C-alpha cells in the first residue's frame, strides 16, 4: 500500500448527504477482481444521463473538477452495504482523501486499509469548504496526516482526529498483508515452538 503523509490536490464538492456505496460503484461491478482498474466504475450511473451520455452537471464531469483527487462530501458519505470496491474505485481514480462530517463505518475502515484517508470535520467546517469549492472550481486543499490538519482553499487550518493505529498504518503504507509480514520472524518462531511442544 502506498504511504500517506502530505497531500495537496484539487478538491471536488459532493454536497448531497447519504451518498451510499451503491452510488459510488453499482453492485453489478462488484465481481471484478482487484487487478481490474476500478476507476472506470466510479459513480458509473450517477455521472450518466438516462440515455447513456455524460451528465454535464455531475461534478466529476465538469472540466474544473476532473483533476480532483480529494472529495468533500455531505454527511454519512459512503453509507450502505459493505463493499471494499467502493474504496478501490476512488483510489484507482486517484482519490487519496475524502472529507465529510461523517462516514459509513465500514467504508471508513476499508479506506484506511487501502490508502485512502477519511477525514471527519465538523459540519460547519465542511459547509464552509464546500462553499469555497463551489465559488472557485479547481481550488485546492492540503492534507497533512502527521500534523492531522486540513488547510482549506482560503488558508484556514482545521485539525482532525484519527485512530492512532490507522494513522500508523497509513504513514507506513501498511495494509493487512504488510502489517502481518512485519511479524514474519515472530510468526515463524511461534510455529517452531508450537510444533515442538505439540510434536507436529
Protein backbone atom coordinates (compact mmCIF):
# COMPACT_ATOMS: atom_id res chain seq x y z
CA UNK A 1 0.00 0.00 0.00
CA UNK A 2 1.24 3.48 -0.84
CA UNK A 3 2.09 5.54 2.25
CA UNK A 4 0.14 8.70 3.00
CA UNK A 5 1.85 11.73 4.55
CA UNK A 6 1.03 15.09 2.93
CA UNK A 7 -1.34 15.50 0.02
CA UNK A 8 -2.24 18.67 -1.89
CA UNK A 9 -4.81 18.44 -4.66
CA UNK A 10 -7.87 19.88 -6.37
CA UNK A 11 -10.99 19.07 -4.36
CA UNK A 12 -14.48 18.37 -5.66
CA UNK A 13 -17.65 19.06 -3.65
CA UNK A 14 -20.37 16.41 -3.41
CA UNK A 15 -22.85 18.12 -1.07
CA UNK A 16 -25.63 15.52 -1.16
CA UNK A 17 -25.91 13.63 2.16
CA UNK A 18 -26.11 9.83 2.41
CA UNK A 19 -24.26 9.04 -0.83
CA UNK A 20 -24.16 5.27 -0.50
CA UNK A 21 -21.66 2.71 -1.74
CA UNK A 22 -24.01 1.54 -4.48
CA UNK A 23 -23.89 5.04 -5.94
CA UNK A 24 -20.08 5.07 -5.69
CA UNK A 25 -19.87 1.71 -7.50
CA UNK A 26 -23.03 -0.09 -8.67
CA UNK A 27 -23.49 -3.67 -7.48
CA UNK A 28 -23.15 -5.20 -10.96
CA UNK A 29 -19.43 -4.33 -10.98
CA UNK A 30 -18.56 -5.99 -7.67
CA UNK A 31 -17.43 -9.29 -9.18
CA UNK A 32 -14.39 -7.67 -10.82
CA UNK A 33 -11.08 -8.72 -9.20
CA UNK A 34 -8.79 -6.16 -7.60
CA UNK A 35 -6.40 -6.31 -10.56
CA UNK A 36 -9.03 -4.57 -12.73
CA UNK A 37 -8.89 -0.76 -12.83
CA UNK A 38 -11.98 0.18 -10.83
CA UNK A 39 -11.78 3.87 -11.77
CA UNK A 40 -13.98 3.14 -14.77
CA UNK A 41 -16.84 2.18 -12.44
CA UNK A 42 -16.65 5.21 -10.13
CA UNK A 43 -20.10 6.87 -9.91
CA UNK A 44 -20.82 4.96 -13.13
CA UNK A 45 -24.57 5.53 -13.18
CA UNK A 46 -24.64 8.84 -11.31
CA UNK A 47 -22.46 10.58 -13.86
CA UNK A 48 -24.53 9.44 -16.86
CA UNK A 49 -27.82 10.59 -18.33
CA UNK A 50 -30.67 8.06 -18.74
CA UNK A 51 -29.89 7.77 -22.46
CA UNK A 52 -26.26 6.93 -21.68
CA UNK A 53 -24.32 10.13 -22.32
CA UNK A 54 -22.26 12.01 -19.75
CA UNK A 55 -24.25 14.27 -17.43
CA UNK A 56 -22.56 17.69 -17.71
CA UNK A 57 -23.98 18.72 -14.33
CA UNK A 58 -22.36 15.90 -12.37
CA UNK A 59 -19.40 17.46 -10.52
CA UNK A 60 -16.76 14.96 -11.68
CA UNK A 61 -17.78 15.57 -15.30
CA UNK A 62 -17.13 19.30 -15.07
CA UNK A 63 -13.71 20.26 -16.51
CA UNK A 64 -12.54 22.21 -13.46
CA UNK A 65 -13.12 19.23 -11.19
CA UNK A 66 -11.94 16.41 -13.44
CA UNK A 67 -8.40 16.66 -11.95
CA UNK A 68 -9.85 16.40 -8.41
CA UNK A 69 -8.15 13.94 -6.05
CA UNK A 70 -9.93 14.96 -2.82
CA UNK A 71 -13.67 14.64 -2.23
CA UNK A 72 -15.54 16.95 0.15
CA UNK A 73 -18.86 15.29 0.82
CA UNK A 74 -22.08 15.64 2.75
CA UNK A 75 -22.79 13.77 5.95
CA UNK A 76 -22.82 9.97 6.07
CA UNK A 77 -20.71 9.61 2.94
CA UNK A 78 -20.31 6.04 1.66
CA UNK A 79 -23.01 4.56 3.83
CA UNK A 80 -24.91 1.42 2.91
CA UNK A 81 -23.68 -2.03 2.04
CA UNK A 82 -20.16 -3.23 2.70
CA UNK A 83 -18.06 -3.19 -0.46
CA UNK A 84 -14.32 -2.66 -0.45
CA UNK A 85 -14.55 -1.97 -4.17
CA UNK A 86 -16.08 1.45 -3.35
CA UNK A 87 -12.69 2.40 -1.94
CA UNK A 88 -10.90 0.73 -4.87
CA UNK A 89 -12.92 2.81 -7.35
CA UNK A 90 -11.99 6.05 -5.59
CA UNK A 91 -8.35 5.08 -5.13
CA UNK A 92 -7.92 3.90 -8.73
CA UNK A 93 -9.33 7.25 -9.90
CA UNK A 94 -6.58 8.98 -7.93
CA UNK A 95 -8.51 9.97 -4.81
CA UNK A 96 -6.45 9.75 -1.63
CA UNK A 97 -8.70 11.62 0.79
CA UNK A 98 -12.39 12.18 1.48
CA UNK A 99 -13.59 14.87 3.88
CA UNK A 100 -17.08 14.78 5.40
CA UNK A 101 -18.96 15.38 8.66
CA UNK A 102 -19.42 11.60 8.95
CA UNK A 103 -18.82 8.37 7.03
CA UNK A 104 -20.27 4.90 6.82
CA UNK A 105 -18.31 2.92 9.42
CA UNK A 106 -17.36 0.07 7.09
CA UNK A 107 -16.18 2.43 4.37
CA UNK A 108 -14.12 4.37 6.89
CA UNK A 109 -12.32 1.20 7.96
CA UNK A 110 -11.86 -0.01 4.39
CA UNK A 111 -10.46 3.37 3.41
CA UNK A 112 -7.60 3.38 5.89
CA UNK A 113 -6.74 -0.22 4.95
CA UNK A 114 -6.44 0.73 1.28
CA UNK A 115 -4.53 4.01 1.46
CA UNK A 116 -7.49 6.38 1.36
CA UNK A 117 -7.76 8.82 4.28
CA UNK A 118 -11.28 9.60 5.55
CA UNK A 119 -11.23 12.92 7.44
CA UNK A 120 -14.11 13.88 9.72
CA UNK A 121 -14.58 17.61 10.22
CA UNK A 122 -17.47 19.50 11.86
CA UNK A 123 -20.41 20.10 9.55
CA UNK A 124 -19.86 23.88 9.70
CA UNK A 125 -16.26 23.48 8.52
CA UNK A 126 -17.27 21.13 5.71
CA UNK A 127 -20.02 23.53 4.62
CA UNK A 128 -17.54 26.43 4.55
CA UNK A 129 -15.02 24.44 2.50
CA UNK A 130 -17.79 23.28 0.18
CA UNK A 131 -18.82 26.89 -0.43
CA UNK A 132 -15.23 27.81 -1.34
CA UNK A 133 -15.02 24.94 -3.81
CA UNK A 134 -18.34 25.88 -5.40
CA UNK A 135 -17.25 29.52 -5.67
CA UNK A 136 -13.85 28.64 -7.10
CA UNK A 137 -13.92 25.38 -9.06
CA UNK A 138 -10.42 23.96 -9.25
CA UNK A 139 -9.45 25.19 -5.76
CA UNK A 140 -7.01 23.02 -3.82
CA UNK A 141 -6.92 21.55 -0.32
CA UNK A 142 -3.81 20.43 1.56
CA UNK A 143 -3.96 17.48 3.94
CA UNK A 144 -1.16 16.79 6.44
CA UNK A 145 -1.57 13.44 8.15
CA UNK A 146 1.39 13.71 10.57
CA UNK A 147 0.06 17.07 11.79
CA UNK A 148 -3.57 15.93 11.42
CA UNK A 149 -4.62 19.11 9.64
CA UNK A 150 -6.62 20.14 6.59
CA UNK A 151 -5.86 23.51 5.01
CA UNK A 152 -8.85 24.95 3.18
CA UNK A 153 -8.55 26.98 -0.05
CA UNK A 154 -8.62 30.23 1.95
CA UNK A 155 -5.77 29.09 4.20
CA UNK A 156 -7.92 28.18 7.20
CA UNK A 157 -6.42 25.21 9.05
CA UNK A 158 -8.70 22.57 10.56
CA UNK A 159 -7.47 19.85 12.89
CA UNK A 160 -8.91 16.34 12.75
CA UNK A 161 -8.79 13.19 14.85
CA UNK A 162 -7.77 9.75 13.64
CA UNK A 163 -7.28 6.39 15.31
CA UNK A 164 -3.55 6.11 16.17
CA UNK A 165 -3.25 2.61 14.72
CA UNK A 166 -4.92 3.63 11.45
CA UNK A 167 -2.62 6.67 11.29
CA UNK A 168 0.46 4.49 11.80
CA UNK A 169 -0.59 2.10 9.03
CA UNK A 170 -1.27 4.95 6.58
CA UNK A 171 2.02 6.69 7.37
CA UNK A 172 3.96 3.45 6.90
CA UNK A 173 1.95 2.22 3.91
CA UNK A 174 0.87 -0.95 5.73
CA UNK A 175 -2.22 -2.83 4.66
CA UNK A 176 -3.26 -6.02 6.48
CA UNK A 177 -0.79 -8.12 4.49
CA UNK A 178 2.07 -5.69 5.03
CA UNK A 179 1.31 -5.47 8.72
CA UNK A 180 1.34 -9.25 9.07
CA UNK A 181 4.57 -9.55 7.06
CA UNK A 182 6.24 -7.32 9.62
CA UNK A 183 5.80 -10.10 12.16
CA UNK A 184 7.18 -12.83 9.91
CA UNK A 185 10.04 -13.75 12.25
CA UNK A 186 7.78 -13.85 15.31
CA UNK A 187 5.24 -15.99 13.45
CA UNK A 188 7.94 -18.42 12.31
CA UNK A 189 9.32 -18.67 15.87
CA UNK A 190 5.84 -19.36 17.23
CA UNK A 191 5.25 -22.10 14.63
CA UNK A 192 8.57 -23.77 15.51
CA UNK A 193 7.82 -23.60 19.23
CA UNK A 194 4.26 -24.81 18.75
CA UNK A 195 5.49 -27.69 16.59
CA UNK A 196 7.99 -28.78 19.25
CA UNK A 197 5.50 -28.54 22.07
CA UNK A 198 2.83 -30.45 20.18
CA UNK A 199 5.19 -32.82 18.35
CA UNK A 200 3.98 -31.84 14.90
